[in-house]
Structures are given as structure tokens and as C-alpha cells.
PDB file of N, CA and C in Angstrom:
ATOM      1  N   MET A   1      63.440 -55.558 -75.384  1.00  0.00           N
ATOM      2  CA  MET A   1      64.669 -55.256 -75.137  1.00  0.00           C
ATOM      3  C   MET A   1      64.979 -54.947 -76.594  1.00  0.00           C
ATOM      4  N   PRO A   2      66.192 -53.820 -76.679  1.00  0.00           N
ATOM      5  CA  PRO A   2      66.239 -53.176 -77.920  1.00  0.00           C
ATOM      6  C   PRO A   2      67.146 -54.655 -78.534  1.00  0.00           C
ATOM      7  N   LYS A   3      67.111 -54.423 -79.768  1.00  0.00           N
ATOM      8  CA  LYS A   3      67.985 -55.575 -80.811  1.00  0.00           C
ATOM      9  C   LYS A   3      69.284 -55.138 -80.962  1.00  0.00           C
ATOM     10  N   ASP A   4      69.671 -53.817 -80.781  1.00  0.00           N
ATOM     11  CA  ASP A   4      70.775 -53.122 -80.937  1.00  0.00           C
ATOM     12  C   ASP A   4      72.083 -53.358 -79.914  1.00  0.00           C
ATOM     13  N   GLU A   5      73.070 -54.239 -79.982  1.00  0.00           N
ATOM     14  CA  GLU A   5      73.720 -54.452 -78.985  1.00  0.00           C
ATOM     15  C   GLU A   5      74.192 -53.467 -78.403  1.00  0.00           C
ATOM     16  N   ARG A   6      74.655 -52.313 -78.836  1.00  0.00           N
ATOM     17  CA  ARG A   6      75.102 -51.181 -78.168  1.00  0.00           C
ATOM     18  C   ARG A   6      73.860 -50.560 -76.836  1.00  0.00           C
ATOM     19  N   PHE A   7      72.754 -50.915 -77.064  1.00  0.00           N
ATOM     20  CA  PHE A   7      71.942 -50.581 -76.148  1.00  0.00           C
ATOM     21  C   PHE A   7      71.219 -51.695 -75.123  1.00  0.00           C
ATOM     22  N   LYS A   8      72.069 -52.956 -75.246  1.00  0.00           N
ATOM     23  CA  LYS A   8      71.260 -53.762 -74.656  1.00  0.00           C
ATOM     24  C   LYS A   8      71.737 -53.909 -73.095  1.00  0.00           C
ATOM     25  N   ASN A   9      72.665 -52.897 -72.461  1.00  0.00           N
ATOM     26  CA  ASN A   9      72.900 -52.869 -71.385  1.00  0.00           C
ATOM     27  C   ASN A   9      72.462 -51.264 -70.600  1.00  0.00           C
ATOM     28  N   VAL A  10      71.551 -50.904 -71.286  1.00  0.00           N
ATOM     29  CA  VAL A  10      71.069 -49.682 -70.558  1.00  0.00           C
ATOM     30  C   VAL A  10      70.314 -49.976 -69.439  1.00  0.00           C
ATOM     31  N   PRO A  11      70.555 -49.382 -68.244  1.00  0.00           N
ATOM     32  CA  PRO A  11      70.155 -49.525 -67.052  1.00  0.00           C
ATOM     33  C   PRO A  11      68.768 -48.849 -66.781  1.00  0.00           C
ATOM     34  N   ILE A  12      68.126 -49.934 -66.345  1.00  0.00           N
ATOM     35  CA  ILE A  12      66.770 -49.319 -66.064  1.00  0.00           C
ATOM     36  C   ILE A  12      66.370 -49.656 -64.186  1.00  0.00           C
ATOM     37  N   ASP A  13      65.993 -48.646 -63.796  1.00  0.00           N
ATOM     38  CA  ASP A  13      65.567 -48.387 -62.412  1.00  0.00           C
ATOM     39  C   ASP A  13      64.652 -49.594 -61.958  1.00  0.00           C
ATOM     40  N   ASN A  14      64.655 -50.159 -60.724  1.00  0.00           N
ATOM     41  CA  ASN A  14      63.807 -51.303 -60.464  1.00  0.00           C
ATOM     42  C   ASN A  14      62.399 -50.669 -60.330  1.00  0.00           C
ATOM     43  N   ASP A  15      62.139 -49.594 -60.149  1.00  0.00           N
ATOM     44  CA  ASP A  15      60.851 -49.232 -59.950  1.00  0.00           C
ATOM     45  C   ASP A  15      60.388 -48.289 -61.333  1.00  0.00           C
ATOM     46  N   THR A  16      61.080 -48.488 -62.434  1.00  0.00           N
ATOM     47  CA  THR A  16      60.629 -47.912 -63.650  1.00  0.00           C
ATOM     48  C   THR A  16      60.047 -48.958 -64.427  1.00  0.00           C
ATOM     49  N   LYS A  17      58.838 -48.546 -65.200  1.00  0.00           N
ATOM     50  CA  LYS A  17      57.865 -49.377 -66.342  1.00  0.00           C
ATOM     51  C   LYS A  17      58.445 -48.721 -67.462  1.00  0.00           C
ATOM     52  N   ILE A  18      59.190 -49.852 -68.370  1.00  0.00           N
ATOM     53  CA  ILE A  18      59.260 -49.031 -69.910  1.00  0.00           C
ATOM     54  C   ILE A  18      57.809 -49.454 -70.408  1.00  0.00           C
ATOM     55  N   LEU A  19      57.379 -48.331 -71.001  1.00  0.00           N
ATOM     56  CA  LEU A  19      55.986 -48.272 -71.635  1.00  0.00           C
ATOM     57  C   LEU A  19      56.338 -48.534 -73.456  1.00  0.00           C
ATOM     58  N   PHE A  20      57.382 -48.094 -73.912  1.00  0.00           N
ATOM     59  CA  PHE A  20      57.629 -48.333 -75.095  1.00  0.00           C
ATOM     60  C   PHE A  20      58.940 -47.936 -75.442  1.00  0.00           C
ATOM     61  N   GLU A  21      60.003 -48.568 -76.164  1.00  0.00           N
ATOM     62  CA  GLU A  21      61.412 -48.325 -76.775  1.00  0.00           C
ATOM     63  C   GLU A  21      61.409 -48.823 -78.197  1.00  0.00           C
ATOM     64  N   SER A  22      62.417 -47.972 -78.747  1.00  0.00           N
ATOM     65  CA  SER A  22      62.846 -47.799 -79.934  1.00  0.00           C
ATOM     66  C   SER A  22      64.187 -47.489 -80.328  1.00  0.00           C
ATOM     67  N   ILE A  23      65.068 -48.254 -81.342  1.00  0.00           N
ATOM     68  CA  ILE A  23      66.112 -47.653 -81.723  1.00  0.00           C
ATOM     69  C   ILE A  23      65.971 -46.869 -82.805  1.00  0.00           C
ATOM     70  N   MET A  24      66.043 -45.482 -82.899  1.00  0.00           N
ATOM     71  CA  MET A  24      65.998 -44.796 -83.885  1.00  0.00           C
ATOM     72  C   MET A  24      67.266 -43.870 -84.540  1.00  0.00           C
ATOM     73  N   LYS A  25      66.984 -42.827 -85.223  1.00  0.00           N
ATOM     74  CA  LYS A  25      68.325 -42.140 -85.633  1.00  0.00           C
ATOM     75  C   LYS A  25      68.061 -40.765 -85.208  1.00  0.00           C
ATOM     76  N   PHE A  26      68.978 -39.932 -84.651  1.00  0.00           N
ATOM     77  CA  PHE A  26      68.774 -38.732 -84.344  1.00  0.00           C
ATOM     78  C   PHE A  26      69.870 -38.064 -84.826  1.00  0.00           C
ATOM     79  N   GLY A  27      69.811 -37.053 -85.381  1.00  0.00           N
ATOM     80  CA  GLY A  27      70.936 -36.370 -85.893  1.00  0.00           C
ATOM     81  C   GLY A  27      71.956 -37.176 -86.489  1.00  0.00           C
ATOM     82  N   GLY A  28      71.709 -38.321 -87.251  1.00  0.00           N
ATOM     83  CA  GLY A  28      72.613 -39.206 -87.503  1.00  0.00           C
ATOM     84  C   GLY A  28      73.092 -40.259 -86.713  1.00  0.00           C
ATOM     85  N   GLU A  29      72.810 -40.040 -85.588  1.00  0.00           N
ATOM     86  CA  GLU A  29      73.366 -41.034 -84.509  1.00  0.00           C
ATOM     87  C   GLU A  29      72.139 -42.135 -84.539  1.00  0.00           C
ATOM     88  N   ASP A  30      72.565 -43.326 -84.173  1.00  0.00           N
ATOM     89  CA  ASP A  30      71.657 -44.058 -83.398  1.00  0.00           C
ATOM     90  C   ASP A  30      71.351 -43.806 -81.997  1.00  0.00           C
ATOM     91  N   ILE A  31      69.812 -43.881 -81.389  1.00  0.00           N
ATOM     92  CA  ILE A  31      69.727 -43.519 -80.215  1.00  0.00           C
ATOM     93  C   ILE A  31      68.804 -44.344 -79.741  1.00  0.00           C
ATOM     94  N   LEU A  32      68.326 -44.565 -78.527  1.00  0.00           N
ATOM     95  CA  LEU A  32      67.378 -45.383 -77.895  1.00  0.00           C
ATOM     96  C   LEU A  32      66.063 -44.652 -77.313  1.00  0.00           C
ATOM     97  N   TYR A  33      65.116 -44.502 -78.179  1.00  0.00           N
ATOM     98  CA  TYR A  33      64.144 -43.492 -77.319  1.00  0.00           C
ATOM     99  C   TYR A  33      63.243 -44.702 -76.429  1.00  0.00           C
ATOM    100  N   GLN A  34      62.923 -43.804 -75.162  1.00  0.00           N
ATOM    101  CA  GLN A  34      62.276 -44.754 -74.323  1.00  0.00           C
ATOM    102  C   GLN A  34      60.624 -44.017 -73.755  1.00  0.00           C
ATOM    103  N   LYS A  35      59.937 -44.325 -73.806  1.00  0.00           N
ATOM    104  CA  LYS A  35      58.571 -43.913 -72.717  1.00  0.00           C
ATOM    105  C   LYS A  35      58.517 -44.726 -71.809  1.00  0.00           C
ATOM    106  N   TRP A  36      58.537 -43.797 -70.493  1.00  0.00           N
ATOM    107  CA  TRP A  36      58.468 -44.553 -69.188  1.00  0.00           C
ATOM    108  C   TRP A  36      57.675 -44.210 -68.057  1.00  0.00           C
ATOM    109  N   ARG A  37      57.335 -45.108 -67.054  1.00  0.00           N
ATOM    110  CA  ARG A  37      56.607 -44.479 -65.743  1.00  0.00           C
ATOM    111  C   ARG A  37      57.357 -44.844 -64.531  1.00  0.00           C
ATOM    112  N   PHE A  38      57.453 -43.544 -63.822  1.00  0.00           N
ATOM    113  CA  PHE A  38      58.205 -43.709 -62.610  1.00  0.00           C
ATOM    114  C   PHE A  38      57.741 -43.093 -61.570  1.00  0.00           C
ATOM    115  N   ASP A  39      57.144 -43.511 -60.316  1.00  0.00           N
ATOM    116  CA  ASP A  39      56.640 -43.096 -59.158  1.00  0.00           C
ATOM    117  C   ASP A  39      55.514 -41.751 -59.456  1.00  0.00           C
ATOM    118  N   GLY A  40      54.587 -42.309 -60.516  1.00  0.00           N
ATOM    119  CA  GLY A  40      53.390 -41.189 -60.837  1.00  0.00           C
ATOM    120  C   GLY A  40      53.880 -40.428 -62.064  1.00  0.00           C
ATOM    121  N   ILE A  41      55.077 -40.463 -62.420  1.00  0.00           N
ATOM    122  CA  ILE A  41      55.492 -39.555 -63.271  1.00  0.00           C
ATOM    123  C   ILE A  41      55.579 -40.309 -64.936  1.00  0.00           C
ATOM    124  N   VAL A  42      55.135 -39.821 -65.939  1.00  0.00           N
ATOM    125  CA  VAL A  42      55.511 -40.223 -66.985  1.00  0.00           C
ATOM    126  C   VAL A  42      56.271 -39.544 -68.131  1.00  0.00           C
ATOM    127  N   GLY A  43      57.613 -40.234 -68.572  1.00  0.00           N
ATOM    128  CA  GLY A  43      58.022 -39.165 -69.162  1.00  0.00           C
ATOM    129  C   GLY A  43      58.892 -40.004 -70.459  1.00  0.00           C
ATOM    130  N   GLU A  44      59.651 -39.216 -71.125  1.00  0.00           N
ATOM    131  CA  GLU A  44      60.142 -39.914 -72.349  1.00  0.00           C
ATOM    132  C   GLU A  44      61.785 -39.696 -72.041  1.00  0.00           C
ATOM    133  N   SER A  45      62.601 -40.449 -72.857  1.00  0.00           N
ATOM    134  CA  SER A  45      64.027 -40.327 -72.977  1.00  0.00           C
ATOM    135  C   SER A  45      64.634 -40.480 -74.289  1.00  0.00           C
ATOM    136  N   ILE A  46      65.440 -39.713 -74.488  1.00  0.00           N
ATOM    137  CA  ILE A  46      66.505 -39.931 -75.689  1.00  0.00           C
ATOM    138  C   ILE A  46      67.732 -40.553 -75.366  1.00  0.00           C
ATOM    139  N   ILE A  47      68.054 -41.665 -75.228  1.00  0.00           N
ATOM    140  CA  ILE A  47      69.408 -42.064 -74.866  1.00  0.00           C
ATOM    141  C   ILE A  47      70.595 -42.171 -75.832  1.00  0.00           C
ATOM    142  N   PHE A  48      71.506 -41.691 -75.656  1.00  0.00           N
ATOM    143  CA  PHE A  48      72.798 -41.536 -76.544  1.00  0.00           C
ATOM    144  C   PHE A  48      73.936 -42.424 -76.097  1.00  0.00           C
ATOM    145  N   MET A  49      74.572 -42.738 -77.007  1.00  0.00           N
ATOM    146  CA  MET A  49      75.906 -43.361 -76.354  1.00  0.00           C
ATOM    147  C   MET A  49      76.719 -42.147 -76.284  1.00  0.00           C
ATOM    148  N   THR A  50      77.110 -42.048 -74.953  1.00  0.00           N
ATOM    149  CA  THR A  50      78.372 -40.751 -74.617  1.00  0.00           C
ATOM    150  C   THR A  50      79.337 -40.321 -75.413  1.00  0.00           C
ATOM    151  N   LYS A  51      79.803 -41.600 -76.170  1.00  0.00           N
ATOM    152  CA  LYS A  51      80.609 -41.162 -76.828  1.00  0.00           C
ATOM    153  C   LYS A  51      80.356 -40.390 -78.385  1.00  0.00           C
ATOM    154  N   ASP A  52      78.974 -40.561 -78.622  1.00  0.00           N
ATOM    155  CA  ASP A  52      78.549 -39.806 -79.571  1.00  0.00           C
ATOM    156  C   ASP A  52      78.267 -38.263 -79.386  1.00  0.00           C
ATOM    157  N   VAL A  53      78.050 -37.950 -78.088  1.00  0.00           N
ATOM    158  CA  VAL A  53      77.784 -36.603 -77.592  1.00  0.00           C
ATOM    159  C   VAL A  53      78.566 -35.907 -76.403  1.00  0.00           C
ATOM    160  N   GLY A  54      79.487 -36.606 -76.497  1.00  0.00           N
ATOM    161  CA  GLY A  54      80.514 -36.602 -75.277  1.00  0.00           C
ATOM    162  C   GLY A  54      81.062 -35.164 -75.457  1.00  0.00           C
ATOM    163  N   ASN A  55      81.241 -34.619 -76.466  1.00  0.00           N
ATOM    164  CA  ASN A  55      82.105 -33.194 -77.027  1.00  0.00           C
ATOM    165  C   ASN A  55      80.918 -32.080 -76.519  1.00  0.00           C
ATOM    166  N   MET A  56      79.859 -32.129 -76.364  1.00  0.00           N
ATOM    167  CA  MET A  56      78.642 -31.364 -76.165  1.00  0.00           C
ATOM    168  C   MET A  56      78.725 -30.852 -74.470  1.00  0.00           C
ATOM    169  N   SER A  57      78.544 -29.907 -74.110  1.00  0.00           N
ATOM    170  CA  SER A  57      78.100 -29.133 -72.730  1.00  0.00           C
ATOM    171  C   SER A  57      76.509 -29.617 -72.414  1.00  0.00           C
ATOM    172  N   ASP A  58      76.038 -29.747 -71.330  1.00  0.00           N
ATOM    173  CA  ASP A  58      74.655 -30.058 -71.073  1.00  0.00           C
ATOM    174  C   ASP A  58      73.938 -29.030 -71.811  1.00  0.00           C
ATOM    175  N   LYS A  59      74.230 -27.696 -71.673  1.00  0.00           N
ATOM    176  CA  LYS A  59      73.210 -26.595 -72.874  1.00  0.00           C
ATOM    177  C   LYS A  59      73.249 -27.211 -73.980  1.00  0.00           C
ATOM    178  N   GLU A  60      74.495 -27.454 -74.844  1.00  0.00           N
ATOM    179  CA  GLU A  60      74.348 -27.881 -76.170  1.00  0.00           C
ATOM    180  C   GLU A  60      73.838 -29.287 -76.416  1.00  0.00           C
ATOM    181  N   LEU A  61      73.371 -30.052 -75.441  1.00  0.00           N
ATOM    182  CA  LEU A  61      72.948 -31.286 -75.357  1.00  0.00           C
ATOM    183  C   LEU A  61      71.447 -31.069 -75.522  1.00  0.00           C
ATOM    184  N   ILE A  62      71.174 -30.020 -74.531  1.00  0.00           N
ATOM    185  CA  ILE A  62      69.544 -29.725 -74.219  1.00  0.00           C
ATOM    186  C   ILE A  62      69.028 -29.030 -75.711  1.00  0.00           C
ATOM    187  N   GLU A  63      70.023 -28.109 -76.046  1.00  0.00           N
ATOM    188  CA  GLU A  63      69.568 -27.373 -77.152  1.00  0.00           C
ATOM    189  C   GLU A  63      69.325 -28.318 -78.366  1.00  0.00           C
ATOM    190  N   TYR A  64      70.277 -29.584 -78.612  1.00  0.00           N
ATOM    191  CA  TYR A  64      70.043 -30.185 -79.706  1.00  0.00           C
ATOM    192  C   TYR A  64      68.688 -31.075 -79.594  1.00  0.00           C
ATOM    193  N   ALA A  65      68.756 -31.675 -78.170  1.00  0.00           N
ATOM    194  CA  ALA A  65      67.566 -32.487 -78.123  1.00  0.00           C
ATOM    195  C   ALA A  65      66.306 -31.871 -78.506  1.00  0.00           C
ATOM    196  N   ALA A  66      66.293 -30.500 -78.108  1.00  0.00           N
ATOM    197  CA  ALA A  66      64.976 -29.752 -78.222  1.00  0.00           C
ATOM    198  C   ALA A  66      64.498 -29.532 -79.674  1.00  0.00           C
ATOM    199  N   THR A  67      65.471 -29.634 -80.716  1.00  0.00           N
ATOM    200  CA  THR A  67      65.024 -29.478 -81.961  1.00  0.00           C
ATOM    201  C   THR A  67      64.358 -30.723 -82.594  1.00  0.00           C
ATOM    202  N   SER A  68      64.221 -31.712 -81.565  1.00  0.00           N
ATOM    203  CA  SER A  68      63.160 -33.152 -81.880  1.00  0.00           C
ATOM    204  C   SER A  68      61.977 -32.322 -82.327  1.00  0.00           C
ATOM    205  N   ASP A  69      60.998 -33.007 -82.845  1.00  0.00           N
ATOM    206  CA  ASP A  69      59.634 -32.617 -82.620  1.00  0.00           C
ATOM    207  C   ASP A  69      58.869 -33.714 -81.650  1.00  0.00           C
ATOM    208  N   ILE A  70      59.689 -34.715 -81.271  1.00  0.00           N
ATOM    209  CA  ILE A  70      58.915 -35.452 -80.019  1.00  0.00           C
ATOM    210  C   ILE A  70      59.320 -34.625 -78.509  1.00  0.00           C
ATOM    211  N   VAL A  71      60.217 -33.640 -78.400  1.00  0.00           N
ATOM    212  CA  VAL A  71      60.082 -32.579 -77.379  1.00  0.00           C
ATOM    213  C   VAL A  71      59.141 -31.722 -77.304  1.00  0.00           C
ATOM    214  N   THR A  72      57.954 -31.534 -76.420  1.00  0.00           N
ATOM    215  CA  THR A  72      57.315 -30.450 -76.537  1.00  0.00           C
ATOM    216  C   THR A  72      58.043 -29.273 -76.093  1.00  0.00           C
ATOM    217  N   ASN A  73      57.213 -28.004 -76.826  1.00  0.00           N
ATOM    218  CA  ASN A  73      57.763 -26.503 -76.389  1.00  0.00           C
ATOM    219  C   ASN A  73      57.914 -26.265 -75.004  1.00  0.00           C
ATOM    220  N   LYS A  74      56.849 -26.971 -74.078  1.00  0.00           N
ATOM    221  CA  LYS A  74      57.102 -26.489 -72.975  1.00  0.00           C
ATOM    222  C   LYS A  74      57.589 -27.543 -71.780  1.00  0.00           C
ATOM    223  N   SER A  75      58.271 -28.330 -72.375  1.00  0.00           N
ATOM    224  CA  SER A  75      59.103 -29.617 -71.829  1.00  0.00           C
ATOM    225  C   SER A  75      60.075 -29.030 -70.946  1.00  0.00           C
ATOM    226  N   SER A  76      60.306 -29.317 -69.895  1.00  0.00           N
ATOM    227  CA  SER A  76      61.565 -29.120 -69.059  1.00  0.00           C
ATOM    228  C   SER A  76      62.631 -30.476 -69.594  1.00  0.00           C
ATOM    229  N   ILE A  77      63.715 -30.184 -69.535  1.00  0.00           N
ATOM    230  CA  ILE A  77      64.548 -31.439 -69.974  1.00  0.00           C
ATOM    231  C   ILE A  77      65.599 -31.299 -69.016  1.00  0.00           C
ATOM    232  N   THR A  78      65.957 -32.779 -68.564  1.00  0.00           N
ATOM    233  CA  THR A  78      66.723 -32.770 -67.620  1.00  0.00           C
ATOM    234  C   THR A  78      68.104 -33.827 -68.367  1.00  0.00           C
ATOM    235  N   ILE A  79      69.072 -33.986 -67.804  1.00  0.00           N
ATOM    236  CA  ILE A  79      70.398 -34.944 -68.390  1.00  0.00           C
ATOM    237  C   ILE A  79      71.022 -35.543 -67.584  1.00  0.00           C
ATOM    238  N   SER A  80      71.080 -36.840 -67.634  1.00  0.00           N
ATOM    239  CA  SER A  80      71.864 -37.727 -66.435  1.00  0.00           C
ATOM    240  C   SER A  80      72.860 -39.073 -67.433  1.00  0.00           C
ATOM    241  N   SER A  81      73.824 -39.398 -66.836  1.00  0.00           N
ATOM    242  CA  SER A  81      74.737 -40.236 -67.628  1.00  0.00           C
ATOM    243  C   SER A  81      74.860 -41.346 -66.647  1.00  0.00           C
ATOM    244  N   ASN A  82      75.259 -42.634 -67.191  1.00  0.00           N
ATOM    245  CA  ASN A  82      75.446 -43.779 -66.639  1.00  0.00           C
ATOM    246  C   ASN A  82      76.863 -44.107 -66.846  1.00  0.00           C
ATOM    247  N   ASN A  83      77.700 -44.221 -66.007  1.00  0.00           N
ATOM    248  CA  ASN A  83      78.944 -44.748 -66.324  1.00  0.00           C
ATOM    249  C   ASN A  83      80.075 -44.219 -67.377  1.00  0.00           C
ATOM    250  N   GLY A  84      79.502 -43.234 -68.063  1.00  0.00           N
ATOM    251  CA  GLY A  84      80.178 -42.717 -68.931  1.00  0.00           C
ATOM    252  C   GLY A  84      79.631 -43.385 -70.373  1.00  0.00           C
ATOM    253  N   THR A  85      78.730 -44.583 -70.096  1.00  0.00           N
ATOM    254  CA  THR A  85      78.277 -44.981 -71.579  1.00  0.00           C
ATOM    255  C   THR A  85      77.339 -44.557 -72.011  1.00  0.00           C
ATOM    256  N   TYR A  86      76.252 -44.272 -71.502  1.00  0.00           N
ATOM    257  CA  TYR A  86      75.017 -43.753 -71.958  1.00  0.00           C
ATOM    258  C   TYR A  86      74.732 -42.602 -71.584  1.00  0.00           C
ATOM    259  N   THR A  87      74.283 -41.544 -72.355  1.00  0.00           N
ATOM    260  CA  THR A  87      73.514 -40.088 -71.851  1.00  0.00           C
ATOM    261  C   THR A  87      72.205 -40.000 -72.222  1.00  0.00           C
ATOM    262  N   PHE A  88      71.790 -39.841 -70.700  1.00  0.00           N
ATOM    263  CA  PHE A  88      70.181 -39.611 -71.181  1.00  0.00           C
ATOM    264  C   PHE A  88      69.612 -38.345 -71.021  1.00  0.00           C
ATOM    265  N   VAL A  89      68.862 -37.849 -72.107  1.00  0.00           N
ATOM    266  CA  VAL A  89      68.148 -36.683 -72.322  1.00  0.00           C
ATOM    267  C   VAL A  89      66.820 -36.718 -71.905  1.00  0.00           C
ATOM    268  N   ASN A  90      65.803 -36.487 -70.772  1.00  0.00           N
ATOM    269  CA  ASN A  90      64.638 -36.722 -70.447  1.00  0.00           C
ATOM    270  C   ASN A  90      63.899 -35.566 -70.729  1.00  0.00           C
ATOM    271  N   PHE A  91      62.490 -35.956 -70.991  1.00  0.00           N
ATOM    272  CA  PHE A  91      61.594 -34.722 -71.234  1.00  0.00           C
ATOM    273  C   PHE A  91      60.207 -35.234 -71.238  1.00  0.00           C
ATOM    274  N   ASN A  92      58.943 -34.256 -71.423  1.00  0.00           N
ATOM    275  CA  ASN A  92      57.737 -34.656 -71.484  1.00  0.00           C
ATOM    276  C   ASN A  92      57.522 -35.156 -70.291  1.00  0.00           C
ATOM    277  N   PHE A  93      57.585 -34.611 -69.272  1.00  0.00           N
ATOM    278  CA  PHE A  93      57.251 -35.187 -67.990  1.00  0.00           C
ATOM    279  C   PHE A  93      55.902 -35.070 -67.774  1.00  0.00           C
ATOM    280  N   THR A  94      55.164 -35.624 -67.350  1.00  0.00           N
ATOM    281  CA  THR A  94      53.721 -35.450 -66.804  1.00  0.00           C
ATOM    282  C   THR A  94      53.419 -36.432 -65.608  1.00  0.00           C
ATOM    283  N   THR A  95      52.158 -36.144 -64.922  1.00  0.00           N
ATOM    284  CA  THR A  95      51.769 -36.935 -63.963  1.00  0.00           C
ATOM    285  C   THR A  95      50.565 -37.357 -64.195  1.00  0.00           C
ATOM    286  N   ASN A  96      50.390 -38.576 -63.365  1.00  0.00           N
ATOM    287  CA  ASN A  96      48.955 -39.569 -63.638  1.00  0.00           C
ATOM    288  C   ASN A  96      48.539 -39.702 -62.309  1.00  0.00           C
TER     289      ASN A  96
END
């Protein structure tokens, strides 16, 4: 569980297992990084506070996230949000 109060209510699907998570900085903003497994898929997420990236379009946010070294060049990137509180940028999907 992250120690930062801002990320204490990040929802987790019942079938998702969090393999690793850590609060980090991304472009000067605090984010929650997660590596997870769901239904045979392992992926990673950068979780932003929506208020920090809400002015970006999905395309801009994907391009912004893709600047990170943790996003592989061949990774597809998806975006989802939760109640307007958190914005999830998901990437590096593999099957096992």
C-alpha cells in the first residue's frame, strides 16, 4: 500500500495482483507506478492524479508517458480513469 495519502484509494480490480508499486516522480508530478498481473497478462501502469494531467488529451498523455524509459518502444499504451480522481496509463503488456 502506498504511503502517500493521495494514492491510498487507488482502486484495484479483485482479479488483479499487484507485483510491485512505488510512488515516484514523473515530469515533476508525484505518480504511483505499478506492475501487475491480470488474467494471464502482466502490465505496468503510471497512475496520475487526474488534476495533474486533466488538461491533456489522451493523445498528449500517451506521448508524454512514452517519454519515460520504463515504456518500451514497442509497447501499446492504453488510458483509463476512475471517478475523475486517478488517470491510469497502462503499458508493457506481456502474456504468461
